[in-house]
Each structure stands twice: as structure tokens, then as C-alpha cells.
Amino acid sequence: MKAVLDSNDVKKLLTLSGETLIVAKRQHPFILAIKLCLTLVLSACVLFILWAVLSFMQIRVVIQIATYTIAVSVIANFLVKVMIDWYFHIYFVSNRKILEIIAIPFYSDVVNDVFLDQVRTTEVDANIGNFMEEILNMGDVTIAFDRPSHDQLFVMRSITNPRETAMKLGDCLEVIMNSSPVWFKRETHPEHIKFTEDIYPNKLGVI
């Protein structure tokens, strides 16, 4: 499974007139691997306890086999759910909007959105928290709105290439806002911070 969305998935999210993609990602595959490993370890513990209990109670073999089959089926469903949760958790940034989509088929849909024509100011930060994340090139990208009050934060958690993503978002948001930045700072460290002034709908051609 890839962390970057393919073109077919991206096309479904481009719903506004004149909308073009900037960033579309899932979380780092390492997050999926950790969740799968934890699920497998817990499942192994459950199966061991189940085996010990059934052996101690001297349950008939047929009942034991049926119990193991049900337990394995439940575990398999949990593993599939972990993969589905990861696959359908999407961060999407275009020139018109920013979305976080958590869509679990037949279960729930959660969409957090920010429309860029309503943004007053923007700050983009990349955060790599520890040595392991540095090795894996994994971290968070935070986009803050309405600075300095920070009334709204959008966080892309545990994504791949956080530095490059923050740089790209910072550059693209500067162009999209189409206004002289209040303050702009570019340095060699992971943080890439930018403030831009308000952009009104008519500047983006929005009715």
C-alpha cells in the first residue's frame, strides 16, 4: 500500500472549479506496520490464553476447533480493519481547500475541511519528533490559521517527507494567497514558516 494517492483517488477529490492538487497523502506506512504488529502480538496472546483455557477445561476437540476458527476470523477482521482505516485516512491539499478524510466503508465518514478563500493568515511547520522519525523521514506538518490567535489548526500527522511537504505547501500557499506576505522565513532546519494576508473570494475567481 502506498502513502501517496494515485491519480484516480485524486480526481475524486478535485470537486471545485479550477481546482488543482498540491499534496495528497496517507500516513507513513510505518504507522500501518506498527498497528499490524501490535494487533498480531495481542492476537497471539489471546489465542494462547484461549488454548490454555480450553486445554485445562478438556473441551471436546470439535468445540475447540470451532472456537479457534471463530477467534481467527475475528482476528483477521481486525487486521483488515486496521489496513482499511489506514488506507482511507487521507490528507488532501489543493489550491482551493484543505481536507482530512477518515472514511471507513459501511462504518463512518469524517471530513475536516478548510477553504482557502476563508483563510486570514497561514503558518506552515514541519516537526520531526525523534531519531526514529528522522531515519524514516516521517513527521507532522501543521498548518495554522488566523495567526496569532491560532483559532484553527490543521495537522497532517505522521506523513512521509514532512520537510519537503512543508516547503511545498509554504511556497504554494504564498502564491495562492496572492498577497505580500506579512512575514516569511526560509531556513535549513525542518521548520518552514510563512504568514500571508487575507485573500477574498473575488481574487480566486470564486462567486
C-alpha atoms as a PDB file:
ATOM      1  CA  MET A   1       0.000   0.000   0.000  1.00  0.00           C
ATOM      2  CA  LYS A   2       1.335   3.415  -0.974  1.00  0.00           C
ATOM      3  CA  ALA A   3       1.324   6.525   1.186  1.00  0.00           C
ATOM      4  CA  VAL A   4       0.848   8.747  -1.880  1.00  0.00           C
ATOM      5  CA  LEU A   5      -2.579   8.660  -3.526  1.00  0.00           C
ATOM      6  CA  ASP A   6      -2.900   7.580  -7.134  1.00  0.00           C
ATOM      7  CA  SER A   7      -4.412   9.754  -9.859  1.00  0.00           C
ATOM      8  CA  ASN A   8      -7.859   8.114  -9.724  1.00  0.00           C
ATOM      9  CA  ASP A   9      -8.227   8.823  -5.995  1.00  0.00           C
ATOM     10  CA  VAL A  10      -7.062  12.404  -6.504  1.00  0.00           C
ATOM     11  CA  LYS A  11      -9.574  13.071  -9.290  1.00  0.00           C
ATOM     12  CA  LYS A  12     -12.451  12.143  -6.965  1.00  0.00           C
ATOM     13  CA  LEU A  13     -11.351  14.820  -4.504  1.00  0.00           C
ATOM     14  CA  LEU A  14     -10.999  17.621  -7.048  1.00  0.00           C
ATOM     15  CA  THR A  15     -14.586  18.811  -6.796  1.00  0.00           C
ATOM     16  CA  LEU A  16     -14.282  22.603  -7.192  1.00  0.00           C
ATOM     17  CA  SER A  17     -13.920  24.671 -10.337  1.00  0.00           C
ATOM     18  CA  GLY A  18     -10.307  25.259 -11.349  1.00  0.00           C
ATOM     19  CA  GLU A  19      -9.033  23.090  -8.519  1.00  0.00           C
ATOM     20  CA  THR A  20      -5.538  21.585  -8.791  1.00  0.00           C
ATOM     21  CA  LEU A  21      -3.650  19.245  -6.486  1.00  0.00           C
ATOM     22  CA  ILE A  22      -0.822  20.344  -4.195  1.00  0.00           C
ATOM     23  CA  VAL A  23      -0.446  17.425  -1.758  1.00  0.00           C
ATOM     24  CA  ALA A  24      -2.382  14.175  -1.290  1.00  0.00           C
ATOM     25  CA  LYS A  25      -1.041  11.649   1.228  1.00  0.00           C
ATOM     26  CA  ARG A  26      -1.802   8.930   3.676  1.00  0.00           C
ATOM     27  CA  GLN A  27       0.167   8.379   6.861  1.00  0.00           C
ATOM     28  CA  HIS A  28       3.606   6.801   6.662  1.00  0.00           C
ATOM     29  CA  PRO A  29       3.446   3.010   6.003  1.00  0.00           C
ATOM     30  CA  PHE A  30       5.428   2.545   9.224  1.00  0.00           C
ATOM     31  CA  ILE A  31       2.302   3.575  11.161  1.00  0.00           C
ATOM     32  CA  LEU A  32       0.368   0.796   9.434  1.00  0.00           C
ATOM     33  CA  ALA A  33       3.158  -1.701  10.139  1.00  0.00           C
ATOM     34  CA  ILE A  34       3.219  -0.806  13.850  1.00  0.00           C
ATOM     35  CA  LYS A  35      -0.552  -1.179  14.176  1.00  0.00           C
ATOM     36  CA  LEU A  36      -0.487  -4.530  12.371  1.00  0.00           C
ATOM     37  CA  CYS A  37       2.351  -5.799  14.571  1.00  0.00           C
ATOM     38  CA  LEU A  38       0.574  -4.751  17.758  1.00  0.00           C
ATOM     39  CA  THR A  39      -2.622  -6.416  16.579  1.00  0.00           C
ATOM     40  CA  LEU A  40      -0.750  -9.632  15.762  1.00  0.00           C
ATOM     41  CA  VAL A  41       1.016  -9.681  19.150  1.00  0.00           C
ATOM     42  CA  LEU A  42      -2.236  -9.122  21.030  1.00  0.00           C
ATOM     43  CA  SER A  43      -3.930 -11.741  18.880  1.00  0.00           C
ATOM     44  CA  ALA A  44      -1.202 -14.275  19.646  1.00  0.00           C
ATOM     45  CA  CYS A  45      -1.667 -13.620  23.367  1.00  0.00           C
ATOM     46  CA  VAL A  46      -5.421 -14.082  23.074  1.00  0.00           C
ATOM     47  CA  LEU A  47      -5.005 -17.353  21.145  1.00  0.00           C
ATOM     48  CA  PHE A  48      -2.516 -18.655  23.714  1.00  0.00           C
ATOM     49  CA  ILE A  49      -4.848 -17.839  26.599  1.00  0.00           C
ATOM     50  CA  LEU A  50      -7.745 -19.410  24.710  1.00  0.00           C
ATOM     51  CA  TRP A  51      -5.710 -22.561  24.079  1.00  0.00           C
ATOM     52  CA  ALA A  52      -4.700 -22.773  27.752  1.00  0.00           C
ATOM     53  CA  VAL A  53      -8.281 -22.373  28.943  1.00  0.00           C
ATOM     54  CA  LEU A  54      -9.713 -24.913  26.508  1.00  0.00           C
ATOM     55  CA  SER A  55      -6.954 -27.421  27.297  1.00  0.00           C
ATOM     56  CA  PHE A  56      -7.462 -27.015  31.041  1.00  0.00           C
ATOM     57  CA  MET A  57     -11.219 -27.487  30.719  1.00  0.00           C
ATOM     58  CA  GLN A  58     -10.692 -30.515  28.462  1.00  0.00           C
ATOM     59  CA  ILE A  59     -13.259 -29.312  25.945  1.00  0.00           C
ATOM     60  CA  ARG A  60     -14.045 -31.681  23.078  1.00  0.00           C
ATOM     61  CA  VAL A  61     -11.819 -31.307  20.003  1.00  0.00           C
ATOM     62  CA  VAL A  62     -14.684 -30.323  17.726  1.00  0.00           C
ATOM     63  CA  ILE A  63     -15.658 -27.442  20.017  1.00  0.00           C
ATOM     64  CA  GLN A  64     -12.024 -26.380  20.300  1.00  0.00           C
ATOM     65  CA  ILE A  65     -11.643 -26.266  16.517  1.00  0.00           C
ATOM     66  CA  ALA A  66     -14.860 -24.243  16.180  1.00  0.00           C
ATOM     67  CA  THR A  67     -13.675 -21.823  18.881  1.00  0.00           C
ATOM     68  CA  TYR A  68     -10.268 -21.372  17.237  1.00  0.00           C
ATOM     69  CA  THR A  69     -11.909 -20.806  13.864  1.00  0.00           C
ATOM     70  CA  ILE A  70     -14.135 -18.064  15.267  1.00  0.00           C
ATOM     71  CA  ALA A  71     -11.190 -16.468  17.079  1.00  0.00           C
ATOM     72  CA  VAL A  72      -9.012 -16.482  13.942  1.00  0.00           C
ATOM     73  CA  SER A  73     -11.881 -14.987  11.917  1.00  0.00           C
ATOM     74  CA  VAL A  74     -12.281 -12.156  14.422  1.00  0.00           C
ATOM     75  CA  ILE A  75      -8.526 -11.507  14.384  1.00  0.00           C
ATOM     76  CA  ALA A  76      -8.492 -11.468  10.573  1.00  0.00           C
ATOM     77  CA  ASN A  77     -11.325  -8.923  10.611  1.00  0.00           C
ATOM     78  CA  PHE A  78      -9.347  -6.715  12.990  1.00  0.00           C
ATOM     79  CA  LEU A  79      -6.302  -6.875  10.726  1.00  0.00           C
ATOM     80  CA  VAL A  80      -8.386  -5.944   7.700  1.00  0.00           C
ATOM     81  CA  LYS A  81      -9.965  -3.067   9.615  1.00  0.00           C
ATOM     82  CA  VAL A  82      -6.514  -1.726  10.571  1.00  0.00           C
ATOM     83  CA  MET A  83      -5.486  -1.713   6.902  1.00  0.00           C
ATOM     84  CA  ILE A  84      -8.763  -0.114   5.798  1.00  0.00           C
ATOM     85  CA  ASP A  85      -8.507   2.584   8.467  1.00  0.00           C
ATOM     86  CA  TRP A  86      -5.015   3.474   7.241  1.00  0.00           C
ATOM     87  CA  TYR A  87      -5.909   3.340   3.551  1.00  0.00           C
ATOM     88  CA  PHE A  88      -8.951   5.595   3.853  1.00  0.00           C
ATOM     89  CA  HIS A  89      -7.321   8.173   6.149  1.00  0.00           C
ATOM     90  CA  ILE A  90      -6.319  10.846   3.629  1.00  0.00           C
ATOM     91  CA  TYR A  91      -4.751  14.301   3.819  1.00  0.00           C
ATOM     92  CA  PHE A  92      -5.539  16.401   0.762  1.00  0.00           C
ATOM     93  CA  VAL A  93      -4.435  19.942  -0.087  1.00  0.00           C
ATOM     94  CA  SER A  94      -5.406  21.717  -3.298  1.00  0.00           C
ATOM     95  CA  ASN A  95      -5.314  25.336  -4.406  1.00  0.00           C
ATOM     96  CA  ARG A  96      -8.882  25.716  -3.139  1.00  0.00           C
ATOM     97  CA  LYS A  97      -9.203  23.643   0.037  1.00  0.00           C
ATOM     98  CA  ILE A  98      -7.517  21.506   2.688  1.00  0.00           C
ATOM     99  CA  LEU A  99      -9.125  18.242   3.764  1.00  0.00           C
ATOM    100  CA  GLU A 100      -8.609  15.437   6.227  1.00  0.00           C
ATOM    101  CA  ILE A 101     -10.790  12.492   5.308  1.00  0.00           C
ATOM    102  CA  ILE A 102     -11.376   9.496   7.554  1.00  0.00           C
ATOM    103  CA  ALA A 103     -13.700   7.284   5.537  1.00  0.00           C
ATOM    104  CA  ILE A 104     -14.350   3.741   6.737  1.00  0.00           C
ATOM    105  CA  PRO A 105     -16.686   1.954   4.286  1.00  0.00           C
ATOM    106  CA  PHE A 106     -20.013   0.886   5.817  1.00  0.00           C
ATOM    107  CA  TYR A 107     -18.979   2.360   9.159  1.00  0.00           C
ATOM    108  CA  SER A 108     -18.312   6.109   9.326  1.00  0.00           C
ATOM    109  CA  ASP A 109     -17.130   9.149   7.391  1.00  0.00           C
ATOM    110  CA  VAL A 110     -15.387  12.140   8.962  1.00  0.00           C
ATOM    111  CA  VAL A 111     -14.245  15.143   6.922  1.00  0.00           C
ATOM    112  CA  ASN A 112     -12.336  18.104   8.363  1.00  0.00           C
ATOM    113  CA  ASP A 113     -12.059  20.881   5.804  1.00  0.00           C
ATOM    114  CA  VAL A 114     -10.684  24.392   5.416  1.00  0.00           C
ATOM    115  CA  PHE A 115     -11.448  26.502   2.357  1.00  0.00           C
ATOM    116  CA  LEU A 116      -8.508  28.673   1.414  1.00  0.00           C
ATOM    117  CA  ASP A 117     -10.649  31.636   0.403  1.00  0.00           C
ATOM    118  CA  GLN A 118     -11.615  31.923   4.098  1.00  0.00           C
ATOM    119  CA  VAL A 119      -8.073  31.876   5.470  1.00  0.00           C
ATOM    120  CA  ARG A 120      -6.780  35.035   7.109  1.00  0.00           C
ATOM    121  CA  THR A 121      -3.161  34.078   7.756  1.00  0.00           C
ATOM    122  CA  THR A 122      -1.185  30.871   7.431  1.00  0.00           C
ATOM    123  CA  GLU A 123       1.777  29.276   9.175  1.00  0.00           C
ATOM    124  CA  VAL A 124       3.302  26.002   7.987  1.00  0.00           C
ATOM    125  CA  ASP A 125       5.527  23.989  10.346  1.00  0.00           C
ATOM    126  CA  ALA A 126       7.293  20.663   9.881  1.00  0.00           C
ATOM    127  CA  ASN A 127       8.005  18.667  13.029  1.00  0.00           C
ATOM    128  CA  ILE A 128      10.162  15.544  13.228  1.00  0.00           C
ATOM    129  CA  GLY A 129       9.946  14.477  16.837  1.00  0.00           C
ATOM    130  CA  ASN A 130      12.661  11.870  17.393  1.00  0.00           C
ATOM    131  CA  PHE A 131      15.592   9.950  15.932  1.00  0.00           C
ATOM    132  CA  MET A 132      13.411   7.129  14.595  1.00  0.00           C
ATOM    133  CA  GLU A 133      11.208   9.565  12.716  1.00  0.00           C
ATOM    134  CA  GLU A 134      14.340  11.202  11.315  1.00  0.00           C
ATOM    135  CA  ILE A 135      15.554   7.849   9.971  1.00  0.00           C
ATOM    136  CA  LEU A 136      12.144   7.024   8.497  1.00  0.00           C
ATOM    137  CA  ASN A 137      11.706  10.571   7.137  1.00  0.00           C
ATOM    138  CA  MET A 138       8.375  10.765   8.962  1.00  0.00           C
ATOM    139  CA  GLY A 139       6.775  13.610  10.879  1.00  0.00           C
ATOM    140  CA  ASP A 140       3.914  16.074  11.263  1.00  0.00           C
ATOM    141  CA  VAL A 141       3.075  19.104   9.158  1.00  0.00           C
ATOM    142  CA  THR A 142       0.968  21.730  10.936  1.00  0.00           C
ATOM    143  CA  ILE A 143      -0.918  24.480   9.142  1.00  0.00           C
ATOM    144  CA  ALA A 144      -2.167  27.243  11.465  1.00  0.00           C
ATOM    145  CA  PHE A 145      -4.805  29.784  10.526  1.00  0.00           C
ATOM    146  CA  ASP A 146      -5.768  33.192  11.952  1.00  0.00           C
ATOM    147  CA  ARG A 147      -2.385  33.890  13.458  1.00  0.00           C
ATOM    148  CA  PRO A 148      -1.605  34.902  16.176  1.00  0.00           C
ATOM    149  CA  SER A 149      -4.793  33.590  17.794  1.00  0.00           C
ATOM    150  CA  HIS A 150      -4.377  30.157  16.148  1.00  0.00           C
ATOM    151  CA  ASP A 151      -8.125  29.683  16.095  1.00  0.00           C
ATOM    152  CA  GLN A 152      -7.728  26.780  13.726  1.00  0.00           C
ATOM    153  CA  LEU A 153      -5.040  24.147  13.224  1.00  0.00           C
ATOM    154  CA  PHE A 154      -4.785  21.526  10.527  1.00  0.00           C
ATOM    155  CA  VAL A 155      -2.291  18.752  11.273  1.00  0.00           C
ATOM    156  CA  MET A 156      -1.063  16.160   8.800  1.00  0.00           C
ATOM    157  CA  ARG A 157       0.194  13.551  11.264  1.00  0.00           C
ATOM    158  CA  SER A 158       2.999  11.039  10.676  1.00  0.00           C
ATOM    159  CA  ILE A 159       3.330  11.593   6.935  1.00  0.00           C
ATOM    160  CA  THR A 160       6.296  10.849   4.688  1.00  0.00           C
ATOM    161  CA  ASN A 161       8.719  13.628   3.678  1.00  0.00           C
ATOM    162  CA  PRO A 162       7.429  16.245   6.167  1.00  0.00           C
ATOM    163  CA  ARG A 163      10.159  18.780   5.352  1.00  0.00           C
ATOM    164  CA  GLU A 164       9.560  18.636   1.609  1.00  0.00           C
ATOM    165  CA  THR A 165       5.801  18.708   2.140  1.00  0.00           C
ATOM    166  CA  ALA A 166       6.007  21.781   4.388  1.00  0.00           C
ATOM    167  CA  MET A 167       8.266  23.568   1.905  1.00  0.00           C
ATOM    168  CA  LYS A 168       5.927  22.797  -0.968  1.00  0.00           C
ATOM    169  CA  LEU A 169       2.837  23.857   0.969  1.00  0.00           C
ATOM    170  CA  GLY A 170       4.519  27.057   2.105  1.00  0.00           C
ATOM    171  CA  ASP A 171       5.506  28.004  -1.436  1.00  0.00           C
ATOM    172  CA  CYS A 172       2.125  27.120  -2.929  1.00  0.00           C
ATOM    173  CA  LEU A 173       0.138  28.899  -0.222  1.00  0.00           C
ATOM    174  CA  GLU A 174       2.206  32.018  -0.776  1.00  0.00           C
ATOM    175  CA  VAL A 175       1.247  32.018  -4.454  1.00  0.00           C
ATOM    176  CA  ILE A 176      -2.395  31.109  -3.770  1.00  0.00           C
ATOM    177  CA  MET A 177      -2.871  33.904  -1.282  1.00  0.00           C
ATOM    178  CA  ASN A 178      -1.627  36.288  -3.985  1.00  0.00           C
ATOM    179  CA  SER A 179      -0.634  38.903  -1.454  1.00  0.00           C
ATOM    180  CA  SER A 180       2.526  40.379   0.023  1.00  0.00           C
ATOM    181  CA  PRO A 181       3.480  38.194   2.992  1.00  0.00           C
ATOM    182  CA  VAL A 182       3.442  39.785   6.417  1.00  0.00           C
ATOM    183  CA  TRP A 183       6.475  37.725   7.307  1.00  0.00           C
ATOM    184  CA  PHE A 184       8.342  34.997   5.507  1.00  0.00           C
ATOM    185  CA  LYS A 185      11.200  32.871   6.772  1.00  0.00           C
ATOM    186  CA  ARG A 186      13.093  30.102   4.997  1.00  0.00           C
ATOM    187  CA  GLU A 187      15.944  28.291   6.756  1.00  0.00           C
ATOM    188  CA  THR A 188      17.764  24.985   6.527  1.00  0.00           C
ATOM    189  CA  HIS A 189      16.107  23.437   9.577  1.00  0.00           C
ATOM    190  CA  PRO A 190      12.807  21.455   9.199  1.00  0.00           C
ATOM    191  CA  GLU A 191      10.535  24.375  10.089  1.00  0.00           C
ATOM    192  CA  HIS A 192       9.188  26.351   7.182  1.00  0.00           C
ATOM    193  CA  ILE A 193       7.006  29.191   8.422  1.00  0.00           C
ATOM    194  CA  LYS A 194       5.004  31.650   6.421  1.00  0.00           C
ATOM    195  CA  PHE A 195       2.299  34.216   7.195  1.00  0.00           C
ATOM    196  CA  THR A 196       0.115  35.618   4.461  1.00  0.00           C
ATOM    197  CA  GLU A 197      -2.677  38.145   4.429  1.00  0.00           C
ATOM    198  CA  ASP A 198      -6.312  37.514   3.771  1.00  0.00           C
ATOM    199  CA  ILE A 199      -7.427  36.570   0.259  1.00  0.00           C
ATOM    200  CA  TYR A 200     -11.011  37.318  -0.650  1.00  0.00           C
ATOM    201  CA  PRO A 201     -13.175  35.140  -2.905  1.00  0.00           C
ATOM    202  CA  ASN A 202     -13.072  37.518  -5.857  1.00  0.00           C
ATOM    203  CA  LYS A 203      -9.274  37.249  -6.048  1.00  0.00           C
ATOM    204  CA  LEU A 204      -9.579  33.491  -6.578  1.00  0.00           C
ATOM    205  CA  GLY A 205     -12.397  33.868  -9.060  1.00  0.00           C
ATOM    206  CA  VAL A 206     -14.942  32.380  -6.683  1.00  0.00           C
ATOM    207  CA  ILE A 207     -18.513  33.570  -6.898  1.00  0.00           C
END
